[in-house]
N, C-alpha and C. Protein backbone atom coordinates (compact mmCIF):
# COMPACT_ATOMS: atom_id res chain seq x y z
N UNK A 1 6.62 -12.04 14.68
CA UNK A 1 6.98 -13.19 13.99
C UNK A 1 8.02 -13.86 14.88
N UNK A 2 8.72 -13.88 15.78
CA UNK A 2 9.59 -14.15 16.42
C UNK A 2 8.71 -14.96 17.37
N UNK A 3 7.68 -14.09 18.03
CA UNK A 3 6.61 -15.09 18.90
C UNK A 3 5.90 -15.96 18.35
N UNK A 4 6.14 -16.27 17.13
CA UNK A 4 5.00 -17.08 16.15
C UNK A 4 3.43 -16.73 16.01
N UNK A 5 3.55 -15.46 15.96
CA UNK A 5 2.19 -14.86 15.42
C UNK A 5 2.43 -14.21 14.00
N UNK A 6 1.25 -14.26 13.36
CA UNK A 6 0.98 -13.65 12.05
C UNK A 6 1.49 -11.93 12.03
N UNK A 7 2.01 -11.62 11.00
CA UNK A 7 2.29 -10.15 11.09
C UNK A 7 1.13 -9.39 10.65
N UNK A 8 0.98 -8.32 10.90
CA UNK A 8 -0.14 -7.26 10.76
C UNK A 8 0.40 -5.81 10.30
N UNK A 9 -0.58 -5.41 9.51
CA UNK A 9 0.19 -4.06 8.87
C UNK A 9 0.50 -3.20 10.50
N UNK A 10 -0.08 -3.50 11.46
CA UNK A 10 0.13 -2.55 12.52
C UNK A 10 1.18 -2.50 13.18
N UNK A 11 2.07 -3.80 13.22
CA UNK A 11 3.15 -4.31 13.60
C UNK A 11 4.40 -4.23 12.59
N UNK A 12 4.01 -3.94 11.46
CA UNK A 12 4.86 -3.80 10.34
C UNK A 12 5.19 -2.07 9.99
N UNK A 13 4.00 -1.47 10.23
CA UNK A 13 4.19 0.03 9.87
C UNK A 13 4.09 0.88 10.81
N UNK A 14 4.90 1.99 10.39
CA UNK A 14 4.78 3.19 11.48
C UNK A 14 3.21 3.51 11.63
N UNK A 15 3.04 3.91 12.86
CA UNK A 15 1.77 4.67 13.41
C UNK A 15 1.58 6.27 12.04
N UNK A 16 0.08 5.64 11.86
CA UNK A 16 -0.23 6.54 10.52
C UNK A 16 0.17 6.23 8.83
N UNK A 17 1.00 5.43 9.27
CA UNK A 17 1.52 4.90 7.53
C UNK A 17 0.49 4.34 6.46
N UNK A 18 -0.53 3.38 7.28
CA UNK A 18 -1.58 2.93 6.47
C UNK A 18 -2.29 4.20 5.80
N UNK A 19 -2.53 5.19 6.74
CA UNK A 19 -3.70 6.27 6.03
C UNK A 19 -2.76 6.78 5.05
N UNK A 20 -1.33 7.04 5.24
CA UNK A 20 -0.45 7.85 4.35
C UNK A 20 -0.25 7.17 3.03
N UNK A 21 -0.31 5.73 3.09
CA UNK A 21 -0.21 5.04 1.89
C UNK A 21 -1.75 5.08 1.14
N UNK A 22 -2.81 5.21 1.93
CA UNK A 22 -3.93 5.04 1.27
C UNK A 22 -4.13 6.69 0.32
N UNK A 23 -3.61 7.54 0.94
CA UNK A 23 -3.27 8.56 0.01
C UNK A 23 -2.63 8.70 -1.26
N UNK A 24 -1.46 8.02 -1.12
CA UNK A 24 -0.42 7.93 -1.79
C UNK A 24 -0.93 7.21 -3.13
N UNK A 25 -1.56 6.11 -2.76
CA UNK A 25 -2.17 5.11 -3.65
C UNK A 25 -3.32 5.67 -4.61
N UNK A 26 -4.17 6.22 -3.81
CA UNK A 26 -5.22 7.14 -4.25
C UNK A 26 -4.95 8.23 -5.38
N UNK A 27 -3.70 8.89 -5.08
CA UNK A 27 -2.96 10.03 -6.12
C UNK A 27 -2.40 8.82 -7.38
N UNK A 28 -1.95 8.03 -6.82
CA UNK A 28 -1.49 7.41 -8.16
C UNK A 28 -2.35 6.60 -8.91
N UNK A 29 -3.67 5.99 -8.77
CA UNK A 29 -4.73 5.83 -9.22
C UNK A 29 -5.52 6.68 -10.07
N UNK A 30 -5.48 8.14 -9.32
CA UNK A 30 -6.11 9.04 -10.40
C UNK A 30 -5.37 9.42 -11.38
N UNK A 31 -4.11 9.58 -10.91
CA UNK A 31 -3.04 9.67 -12.36
C UNK A 31 -3.14 8.50 -13.49
N UNK A 32 -3.46 7.55 -12.98
CA UNK A 32 -3.33 6.32 -14.08
C UNK A 32 -4.58 6.35 -14.66
N UNK A 33 -5.73 6.41 -14.00
CA UNK A 33 -6.99 6.53 -14.57
C UNK A 33 -7.94 7.77 -14.87
N UNK A 34 -7.24 8.91 -14.41
CA UNK A 34 -7.68 10.06 -14.84
C UNK A 34 -8.95 10.35 -14.01
N UNK A 35 -9.12 11.64 -14.09
CA UNK A 35 -10.28 12.24 -13.02
C UNK A 35 -11.76 11.62 -13.43
N UNK A 36 -12.03 11.10 -14.33
CA UNK A 36 -13.38 10.52 -14.61
C UNK A 36 -13.58 9.29 -13.67
N UNK A 37 -12.48 8.85 -13.09
CA UNK A 37 -12.98 7.48 -12.49
C UNK A 37 -13.04 8.05 -11.12
N UNK A 38 -13.10 9.11 -10.51
CA UNK A 38 -13.48 9.59 -9.30
C UNK A 38 -14.73 8.49 -8.41
N UNK A 39 -15.72 8.13 -8.97
CA UNK A 39 -17.03 7.68 -8.49
C UNK A 39 -16.23 5.99 -8.32
N UNK A 40 -15.56 5.54 -8.73
CA UNK A 40 -15.08 4.13 -8.31
C UNK A 40 -13.86 4.20 -7.50
N UNK A 41 -13.05 5.07 -7.52
CA UNK A 41 -11.74 5.32 -6.80
C UNK A 41 -11.78 6.41 -5.56
N UNK A 42 -12.78 5.78 -4.60
CA UNK A 42 -13.11 6.48 -3.37
C UNK A 42 -12.20 6.12 -2.30
N UNK A 43 -11.92 7.24 -1.42
CA UNK A 43 -11.09 6.85 -0.18
C UNK A 43 -11.28 5.48 0.36
N UNK A 44 -12.65 5.41 0.33
CA UNK A 44 -13.19 3.99 1.31
C UNK A 44 -12.56 2.71 0.78
N UNK A 45 -12.78 2.65 -0.78
CA UNK A 45 -12.39 1.52 -1.62
C UNK A 45 -10.65 1.36 -1.38
N UNK A 46 -10.16 2.52 -1.84
CA UNK A 46 -8.68 2.56 -1.67
C UNK A 46 -8.20 2.17 -0.17
N UNK A 47 -8.80 2.66 0.67
CA UNK A 47 -8.12 2.34 2.27
C UNK A 47 -8.79 0.78 2.61
N UNK A 48 -9.94 0.67 2.00
CA UNK A 48 -10.06 -0.80 2.45
C UNK A 48 -8.83 -1.70 1.57
N UNK A 49 -8.70 -1.71 0.57
CA UNK A 49 -7.74 -2.36 -0.01
C UNK A 49 -6.38 -2.41 0.40
N UNK A 50 -5.76 -1.10 0.88
CA UNK A 50 -4.63 -1.02 1.49
C UNK A 50 -4.56 -1.62 2.90
N UNK A 51 -5.74 -1.41 3.70
CA UNK A 51 -5.85 -2.15 4.88
C UNK A 51 -5.82 -3.68 5.06
N UNK A 52 -5.84 -4.42 3.78
CA UNK A 52 -5.25 -5.91 3.51
C UNK A 52 -3.79 -6.14 3.52
N UNK A 53 -3.40 -6.93 4.74
CA UNK A 53 -1.96 -7.34 4.33
C UNK A 53 -1.89 -8.06 3.29
N UNK A 54 -2.94 -8.80 2.99
CA UNK A 54 -2.34 -9.74 2.04
C UNK A 54 -2.36 -9.25 0.52
N UNK A 55 -2.48 -8.03 0.53
CA UNK A 55 -2.58 -6.99 -0.61
C UNK A 55 -0.89 -6.59 -1.05
N UNK A 56 -0.36 -6.36 0.22
CA UNK A 56 0.93 -6.03 0.33
C UNK A 56 2.19 -7.01 -0.26
N UNK A 57 2.70 -6.52 -0.85
CA UNK A 57 3.99 -7.42 -1.62
C UNK A 57 5.46 -6.26 -1.22
N UNK A 58 6.26 -6.89 -0.12
CA UNK A 58 7.54 -6.30 0.08
C UNK A 58 8.55 -6.89 -0.56
N UNK A 59 9.05 -6.11 -1.48
CA UNK A 59 10.36 -6.42 -1.97
C UNK A 59 11.64 -5.63 -1.67
N UNK A 60 12.71 -5.96 -1.73
CA UNK A 60 14.00 -5.82 -1.51
C UNK A 60 13.98 -3.98 -1.55
N UNK A 61 13.55 -3.57 -2.60
CA UNK A 61 13.41 -1.98 -2.84
C UNK A 61 12.37 -1.31 -3.02
N UNK A 62 11.43 -1.87 -2.67
CA UNK A 62 10.22 -1.53 -2.76
C UNK A 62 8.79 -2.22 -1.97
N UNK A 63 7.69 -1.37 -2.18
CA UNK A 63 6.53 -2.01 -1.47
C UNK A 63 5.59 -1.75 -2.25
N UNK A 64 4.51 -2.85 -3.13
CA UNK A 64 3.66 -2.65 -3.91
C UNK A 64 2.19 -2.99 -3.06
N UNK A 65 1.24 -2.80 -3.34
CA UNK A 65 0.02 -3.07 -2.77
C UNK A 65 -1.07 -3.22 -4.26
N UNK A 66 -1.08 -4.26 -4.38
CA UNK A 66 -1.64 -4.90 -5.36
C UNK A 66 -3.12 -5.26 -5.19
N UNK A 67 -4.15 -4.73 -5.86
CA UNK A 67 -5.89 -4.88 -5.62
C UNK A 67 -6.62 -4.92 -6.97
N UNK A 68 -7.97 -5.23 -6.90
CA UNK A 68 -8.62 -4.96 -7.96
C UNK A 68 -9.39 -3.56 -7.72
N UNK A 69 -9.81 -2.94 -9.06
CA UNK A 69 -10.50 -1.86 -8.78
C UNK A 69 -12.06 -1.83 -9.39
N UNK A 70 -13.02 -1.41 -8.42
CA UNK A 70 -14.54 -1.52 -8.55
C UNK A 70 -14.79 -2.55 -9.75
N UNK A 71 -14.39 -2.03 -11.32
CA UNK A 71 -15.02 -2.84 -12.34
C UNK A 71 -13.94 -3.84 -12.95
N UNK A 72 -14.38 -4.62 -13.59
CA UNK A 72 -13.54 -5.51 -14.44
C UNK A 72 -12.78 -4.81 -15.26
N UNK A 73 -13.45 -3.73 -15.87
CA UNK A 73 -12.84 -2.69 -16.89
C UNK A 73 -11.60 -2.22 -16.44
N UNK A 74 -11.30 -1.80 -15.13
CA UNK A 74 -10.49 -1.29 -14.80
C UNK A 74 -9.44 -2.15 -14.05
N UNK A 75 -10.03 -3.38 -13.53
CA UNK A 75 -8.85 -4.36 -13.44
C UNK A 75 -7.97 -4.20 -12.24
N UNK A 76 -6.90 -5.04 -12.18
CA UNK A 76 -5.87 -4.84 -11.36
C UNK A 76 -4.92 -3.90 -11.35
N UNK A 77 -4.38 -3.66 -10.25
CA UNK A 77 -3.62 -2.46 -10.00
C UNK A 77 -2.62 -2.82 -9.15
N UNK A 78 -1.45 -2.24 -9.21
CA UNK A 78 -0.46 -2.38 -8.07
C UNK A 78 0.17 -0.61 -7.79
N UNK A 79 -0.09 -0.26 -6.51
CA UNK A 79 0.41 0.91 -6.28
C UNK A 79 1.87 0.52 -5.80
N UNK A 80 2.69 1.50 -6.36
CA UNK A 80 3.95 0.99 -6.14
C UNK A 80 4.74 2.35 -5.28
N UNK A 81 5.51 1.81 -4.08
CA UNK A 81 6.14 2.59 -3.19
C UNK A 81 7.58 2.48 -3.44
N UNK A 82 8.62 3.32 -3.52
CA UNK A 82 9.81 2.84 -3.36
C UNK A 82 10.69 3.75 -2.58
N UNK A 83 12.03 3.60 -2.51
CA UNK A 83 13.01 3.97 -1.86
C UNK A 83 12.84 4.71 -0.18
N UNK A 84 13.13 6.13 -0.45
CA UNK A 84 12.70 6.62 1.23
C UNK A 84 11.34 6.64 1.31
N UNK A 85 10.48 6.76 0.39
CA UNK A 85 9.16 6.88 0.86
C UNK A 85 8.35 5.60 1.39
N UNK A 86 9.01 4.42 0.88
CA UNK A 86 8.44 3.04 1.42
C UNK A 86 8.95 2.69 2.67
N UNK A 87 10.38 3.25 2.66
CA UNK A 87 11.17 3.00 3.95
C UNK A 87 10.53 3.81 5.21
N UNK A 88 10.25 4.90 4.86
CA UNK A 88 9.56 5.86 5.79
C UNK A 88 8.35 5.09 6.51
N UNK A 89 7.50 4.37 5.75
CA UNK A 89 6.40 3.80 6.33
C UNK A 89 6.74 2.89 7.24
N UNK A 90 7.79 2.23 7.10
CA UNK A 90 8.06 1.01 8.08
C UNK A 90 8.33 1.17 9.23
N UNK A 91 8.32 0.67 10.75
CA UNK A 91 8.67 0.42 11.71
C UNK A 91 10.03 0.45 11.69
N UNK A 92 11.16 1.14 12.37
CA UNK A 92 12.44 0.83 12.38
C UNK A 92 12.73 -0.58 12.97
N UNK A 93 12.03 -0.72 14.21
CA UNK A 93 12.42 -2.03 14.54
C UNK A 93 11.86 -3.16 14.19
N UNK A 94 10.92 -3.27 12.86
CA UNK A 94 10.17 -4.25 12.36
C UNK A 94 10.86 -5.09 11.64
N UNK A 95 9.91 -6.22 11.15
CA UNK A 95 10.51 -7.34 10.36
C UNK A 95 10.99 -7.09 8.82
N UNK A 96 10.62 -5.96 8.35
CA UNK A 96 10.89 -5.64 7.36
C UNK A 96 11.91 -4.41 6.83
N UNK A 97 12.76 -4.80 5.89
CA UNK A 97 13.76 -3.40 5.65
C UNK A 97 13.69 -3.34 4.23
N UNK A 98 13.97 -2.08 4.00
CA UNK A 98 14.31 -2.00 2.19
C UNK A 98 15.64 -1.33 1.98
N UNK A 99 16.14 -1.75 1.06
CA UNK A 99 17.32 -0.98 0.24
C UNK A 99 16.75 0.32 -0.41
N UNK A 100 17.24 1.40 0.03
CA UNK A 100 16.68 2.74 -0.27
C UNK A 100 18.16 3.30 -1.40
N UNK A 101 18.83 2.99 -1.86
CA UNK A 101 19.66 3.53 -2.55
C UNK A 101 19.25 3.75 -4.20
């Protein structure tokens, strides 16, 4: 950001954090929508949405990844990661910091 370039997930997140976030979001979605939604909530769909930086919302005490799920019936969803879970995803020298108390 100091160099005048747009932020990317690669320069905000620790290596492997994006894949970990996909798994956490998929688990949240399964819990929220139930097991009958597995054909719509695939790893590819969730990882694709998690991989879009414009879906990420960095708040002072949490990270949300907001996106739509396959059909209009399922609609918009926000995967929420807070506290130490969210802080552990971020690069320590990165541009984003969270309050973890």
